[in-house]
Amino acid sequence: MTKLEILRENLAGRNDEVMNYQINIDNFIRAIAKIDADYAEDPSLVEFRKNLVNLLASNKAEQLKAVIIRDVIAEQVAELEGS
């Protein structure tokens, strides 16, 4: 397997990783909104909502890291394809 082939596989994996983070982010945003709209008075969900807020922040940070690495891999792929 060549470096280019490996990089292409890694690029596909990073694209999947970014999408998985986005799915989590979207789900956390919707869950927080649902709790706020439908369950704001339920004290048993206070801690769960706090956890969702923390998970949202964490997933956004991890997604950004994955985007940076994905972009670096994409640059290498473009360089190797151009040579």
N, C-alpha and C. Protein backbone atom coordinates (compact mmCIF):
# COMPACT_ATOMS: atom_id res chain seq x y z
N MET A 1 0.85 -1.17 0.00
CA MET A 1 0.00 0.00 0.00
C MET A 1 0.90 1.24 0.00
N THR A 2 0.57 2.19 -0.84
CA THR A 2 1.39 3.41 -0.94
C THR A 2 0.95 4.42 0.11
N LYS A 3 1.80 5.42 0.28
CA LYS A 3 1.48 6.50 1.22
C LYS A 3 0.18 7.19 0.80
N LEU A 4 0.01 7.42 -0.49
CA LEU A 4 -1.19 8.07 -0.98
C LEU A 4 -2.44 7.24 -0.67
N GLU A 5 -2.37 5.95 -0.87
CA GLU A 5 -3.51 5.08 -0.57
C GLU A 5 -3.86 5.11 0.91
N ILE A 6 -2.83 5.07 1.74
CA ILE A 6 -3.04 5.11 3.19
C ILE A 6 -3.65 6.45 3.60
N LEU A 7 -3.13 7.53 3.03
CA LEU A 7 -3.67 8.85 3.34
C LEU A 7 -5.12 8.98 2.89
N ARG A 8 -5.44 8.43 1.74
CA ARG A 8 -6.84 8.47 1.28
C ARG A 8 -7.76 7.73 2.24
N GLU A 9 -7.32 6.58 2.71
CA GLU A 9 -8.11 5.82 3.69
C GLU A 9 -8.27 6.61 4.99
N ASN A 10 -7.17 7.22 5.43
CA ASN A 10 -7.22 8.02 6.64
C ASN A 10 -8.14 9.22 6.47
N LEU A 11 -8.12 9.82 5.29
CA LEU A 11 -8.98 10.96 5.01
C LEU A 11 -10.46 10.56 5.10
N ALA A 12 -10.79 9.42 4.55
CA ALA A 12 -12.17 8.93 4.64
C ALA A 12 -12.56 8.68 6.09
N GLY A 13 -11.65 8.12 6.85
CA GLY A 13 -11.91 7.89 8.27
C GLY A 13 -12.11 9.18 9.04
N ARG A 14 -11.31 10.18 8.73
CA ARG A 14 -11.46 11.48 9.41
C ARG A 14 -12.77 12.14 9.02
N ASN A 15 -13.18 12.01 7.77
CA ASN A 15 -14.48 12.56 7.36
C ASN A 15 -15.61 11.90 8.15
N ASP A 16 -15.52 10.59 8.34
CA ASP A 16 -16.51 9.88 9.15
C ASP A 16 -16.48 10.37 10.60
N GLU A 17 -15.28 10.56 11.13
CA GLU A 17 -15.13 11.02 12.50
C GLU A 17 -15.77 12.39 12.69
N VAL A 18 -15.52 13.31 11.76
CA VAL A 18 -16.11 14.65 11.83
C VAL A 18 -17.63 14.55 11.79
N MET A 19 -18.16 13.70 10.92
CA MET A 19 -19.61 13.53 10.82
C MET A 19 -20.20 12.93 12.09
N ASN A 20 -19.50 11.97 12.68
CA ASN A 20 -19.98 11.38 13.93
C ASN A 20 -20.05 12.43 15.04
N TYR A 21 -19.03 13.28 15.13
CA TYR A 21 -19.09 14.37 16.10
C TYR A 21 -20.27 15.29 15.81
N GLN A 22 -20.52 15.58 14.53
CA GLN A 22 -21.63 16.47 14.18
C GLN A 22 -22.96 15.87 14.57
N ILE A 23 -23.11 14.58 14.38
CA ILE A 23 -24.35 13.91 14.79
C ILE A 23 -24.54 14.03 16.30
N ASN A 24 -23.47 13.80 17.06
CA ASN A 24 -23.55 13.97 18.52
C ASN A 24 -23.91 15.40 18.89
N ILE A 25 -23.24 16.36 18.26
CA ILE A 25 -23.50 17.77 18.54
C ILE A 25 -24.96 18.10 18.28
N ASP A 26 -25.46 17.69 17.14
CA ASP A 26 -26.87 17.95 16.80
C ASP A 26 -27.81 17.31 17.82
N ASN A 27 -27.51 16.08 18.21
CA ASN A 27 -28.35 15.39 19.20
C ASN A 27 -28.32 16.09 20.55
N PHE A 28 -27.16 16.52 20.99
CA PHE A 28 -27.05 17.20 22.29
C PHE A 28 -27.81 18.53 22.27
N ILE A 29 -27.69 19.27 21.18
CA ILE A 29 -28.41 20.54 21.05
C ILE A 29 -29.91 20.31 21.12
N ARG A 30 -30.38 19.31 20.40
CA ARG A 30 -31.82 19.01 20.40
C ARG A 30 -32.29 18.52 21.78
N ALA A 31 -31.48 17.70 22.42
CA ALA A 31 -31.87 17.19 23.74
C ALA A 31 -31.93 18.32 24.77
N ILE A 32 -30.96 19.22 24.73
CA ILE A 32 -30.97 20.37 25.65
C ILE A 32 -32.21 21.22 25.39
N ALA A 33 -32.52 21.48 24.14
CA ALA A 33 -33.70 22.27 23.80
C ALA A 33 -34.97 21.57 24.25
N LYS A 34 -35.03 20.26 24.09
CA LYS A 34 -36.22 19.50 24.50
C LYS A 34 -36.40 19.56 26.01
N ILE A 35 -35.32 19.41 26.73
CA ILE A 35 -35.40 19.52 28.20
C ILE A 35 -35.88 20.92 28.58
N ASP A 36 -35.31 21.94 27.96
CA ASP A 36 -35.71 23.32 28.27
C ASP A 36 -37.18 23.57 27.95
N ALA A 37 -37.66 23.01 26.85
CA ALA A 37 -39.03 23.26 26.42
C ALA A 37 -40.06 22.41 27.15
N ASP A 38 -39.73 21.15 27.38
CA ASP A 38 -40.74 20.21 27.87
C ASP A 38 -40.53 19.73 29.31
N TYR A 39 -39.32 19.88 29.82
CA TYR A 39 -39.01 19.30 31.12
C TYR A 39 -38.28 20.27 32.05
N ALA A 40 -38.44 21.55 31.82
CA ALA A 40 -37.70 22.56 32.59
C ALA A 40 -37.99 22.48 34.09
N GLU A 41 -39.16 22.02 34.43
CA GLU A 41 -39.56 21.96 35.85
C GLU A 41 -39.19 20.63 36.51
N ASP A 42 -38.59 19.73 35.78
CA ASP A 42 -38.27 18.40 36.32
C ASP A 42 -36.87 18.42 36.94
N PRO A 43 -36.77 18.43 38.25
CA PRO A 43 -35.46 18.52 38.90
C PRO A 43 -34.57 17.29 38.66
N SER A 44 -35.19 16.19 38.30
CA SER A 44 -34.39 14.98 38.06
C SER A 44 -33.55 15.08 36.78
N LEU A 45 -33.84 16.07 35.94
CA LEU A 45 -33.09 16.22 34.68
C LEU A 45 -32.04 17.32 34.72
N VAL A 46 -31.91 17.99 35.86
CA VAL A 46 -30.93 19.08 35.97
C VAL A 46 -29.51 18.57 35.71
N GLU A 47 -29.15 17.51 36.36
CA GLU A 47 -27.79 16.96 36.20
C GLU A 47 -27.58 16.42 34.79
N PHE A 48 -28.59 15.76 34.25
CA PHE A 48 -28.51 15.25 32.89
C PHE A 48 -28.28 16.38 31.90
N ARG A 49 -29.00 17.49 32.07
CA ARG A 49 -28.83 18.64 31.19
C ARG A 49 -27.42 19.21 31.30
N LYS A 50 -26.91 19.29 32.53
CA LYS A 50 -25.53 19.77 32.72
C LYS A 50 -24.54 18.87 31.99
N ASN A 51 -24.78 17.57 32.08
CA ASN A 51 -23.90 16.62 31.39
C ASN A 51 -23.98 16.81 29.88
N LEU A 52 -25.17 17.06 29.36
CA LEU A 52 -25.33 17.30 27.93
C LEU A 52 -24.58 18.56 27.49
N VAL A 53 -24.66 19.60 28.29
CA VAL A 53 -23.95 20.84 27.98
C VAL A 53 -22.44 20.58 27.94
N ASN A 54 -21.94 19.81 28.90
CA ASN A 54 -20.51 19.48 28.92
C ASN A 54 -20.13 18.60 27.73
N LEU A 55 -20.97 17.63 27.41
CA LEU A 55 -20.70 16.78 26.25
C LEU A 55 -20.72 17.58 24.96
N LEU A 56 -21.63 18.54 24.87
CA LEU A 56 -21.70 19.39 23.69
C LEU A 56 -20.39 20.15 23.51
N ALA A 57 -19.92 20.77 24.57
CA ALA A 57 -18.66 21.52 24.49
C ALA A 57 -17.49 20.61 24.15
N SER A 58 -17.46 19.45 24.76
CA SER A 58 -16.38 18.50 24.52
C SER A 58 -16.38 18.00 23.08
N ASN A 59 -17.55 17.68 22.56
CA ASN A 59 -17.64 17.18 21.19
C ASN A 59 -17.29 18.26 20.17
N LYS A 60 -17.66 19.50 20.46
CA LYS A 60 -17.26 20.60 19.57
C LYS A 60 -15.75 20.74 19.52
N ALA A 61 -15.10 20.65 20.67
CA ALA A 61 -13.64 20.76 20.73
C ALA A 61 -12.98 19.59 20.00
N GLU A 62 -13.48 18.39 20.23
CA GLU A 62 -12.90 17.20 19.58
C GLU A 62 -13.14 17.23 18.08
N GLN A 63 -14.30 17.73 17.67
CA GLN A 63 -14.58 17.83 16.24
C GLN A 63 -13.60 18.79 15.58
N LEU A 64 -13.32 19.91 16.22
CA LEU A 64 -12.36 20.86 15.66
C LEU A 64 -10.99 20.23 15.50
N LYS A 65 -10.56 19.45 16.47
CA LYS A 65 -9.27 18.75 16.36
C LYS A 65 -9.30 17.79 15.16
N ALA A 66 -10.39 17.06 15.02
CA ALA A 66 -10.52 16.12 13.90
C ALA A 66 -10.52 16.86 12.56
N VAL A 67 -11.15 18.02 12.51
CA VAL A 67 -11.17 18.82 11.28
C VAL A 67 -9.75 19.27 10.92
N ILE A 68 -9.00 19.69 11.92
CA ILE A 68 -7.62 20.13 11.66
C ILE A 68 -6.79 18.99 11.08
N ILE A 69 -6.86 17.82 11.70
CA ILE A 69 -6.10 16.68 11.20
C ILE A 69 -6.60 16.26 9.83
N ARG A 70 -7.92 16.26 9.64
CA ARG A 70 -8.48 15.92 8.33
C ARG A 70 -7.95 16.86 7.25
N ASP A 71 -7.90 18.15 7.56
CA ASP A 71 -7.42 19.12 6.59
C ASP A 71 -5.95 18.92 6.26
N VAL A 72 -5.17 18.56 7.26
CA VAL A 72 -3.74 18.28 7.04
C VAL A 72 -3.58 17.05 6.14
N ILE A 73 -4.36 16.04 6.39
CA ILE A 73 -4.31 14.84 5.54
C ILE A 73 -4.74 15.18 4.12
N ALA A 74 -5.80 15.98 3.98
CA ALA A 74 -6.28 16.37 2.65
C ALA A 74 -5.21 17.15 1.89
N GLU A 75 -4.47 17.99 2.58
CA GLU A 75 -3.38 18.74 1.95
C GLU A 75 -2.31 17.78 1.42
N GLN A 76 -1.98 16.76 2.22
CA GLN A 76 -0.97 15.80 1.78
C GLN A 76 -1.46 15.00 0.58
N VAL A 77 -2.73 14.63 0.59
CA VAL A 77 -3.29 13.90 -0.54
C VAL A 77 -3.18 14.75 -1.81
N ALA A 78 -3.57 16.03 -1.69
CA ALA A 78 -3.52 16.92 -2.83
C ALA A 78 -2.08 17.08 -3.35
N GLU A 79 -1.14 17.18 -2.44
CA GLU A 79 0.27 17.31 -2.85
C GLU A 79 0.73 16.07 -3.58
N LEU A 80 0.40 14.90 -3.05
CA LEU A 80 0.86 13.65 -3.69
C LEU A 80 0.15 13.40 -5.02
N GLU A 81 -1.11 13.81 -5.11
CA GLU A 81 -1.82 13.64 -6.37
C GLU A 81 -1.30 14.60 -7.44
N GLY A 82 -0.77 15.72 -6.99
CA GLY A 82 -0.25 16.71 -7.91
C GLY A 82 1.15 16.41 -8.42
N SER A 83 1.82 15.49 -7.77
CA SER A 83 3.20 15.21 -8.18
C SER A 83 3.30 14.03 -9.12
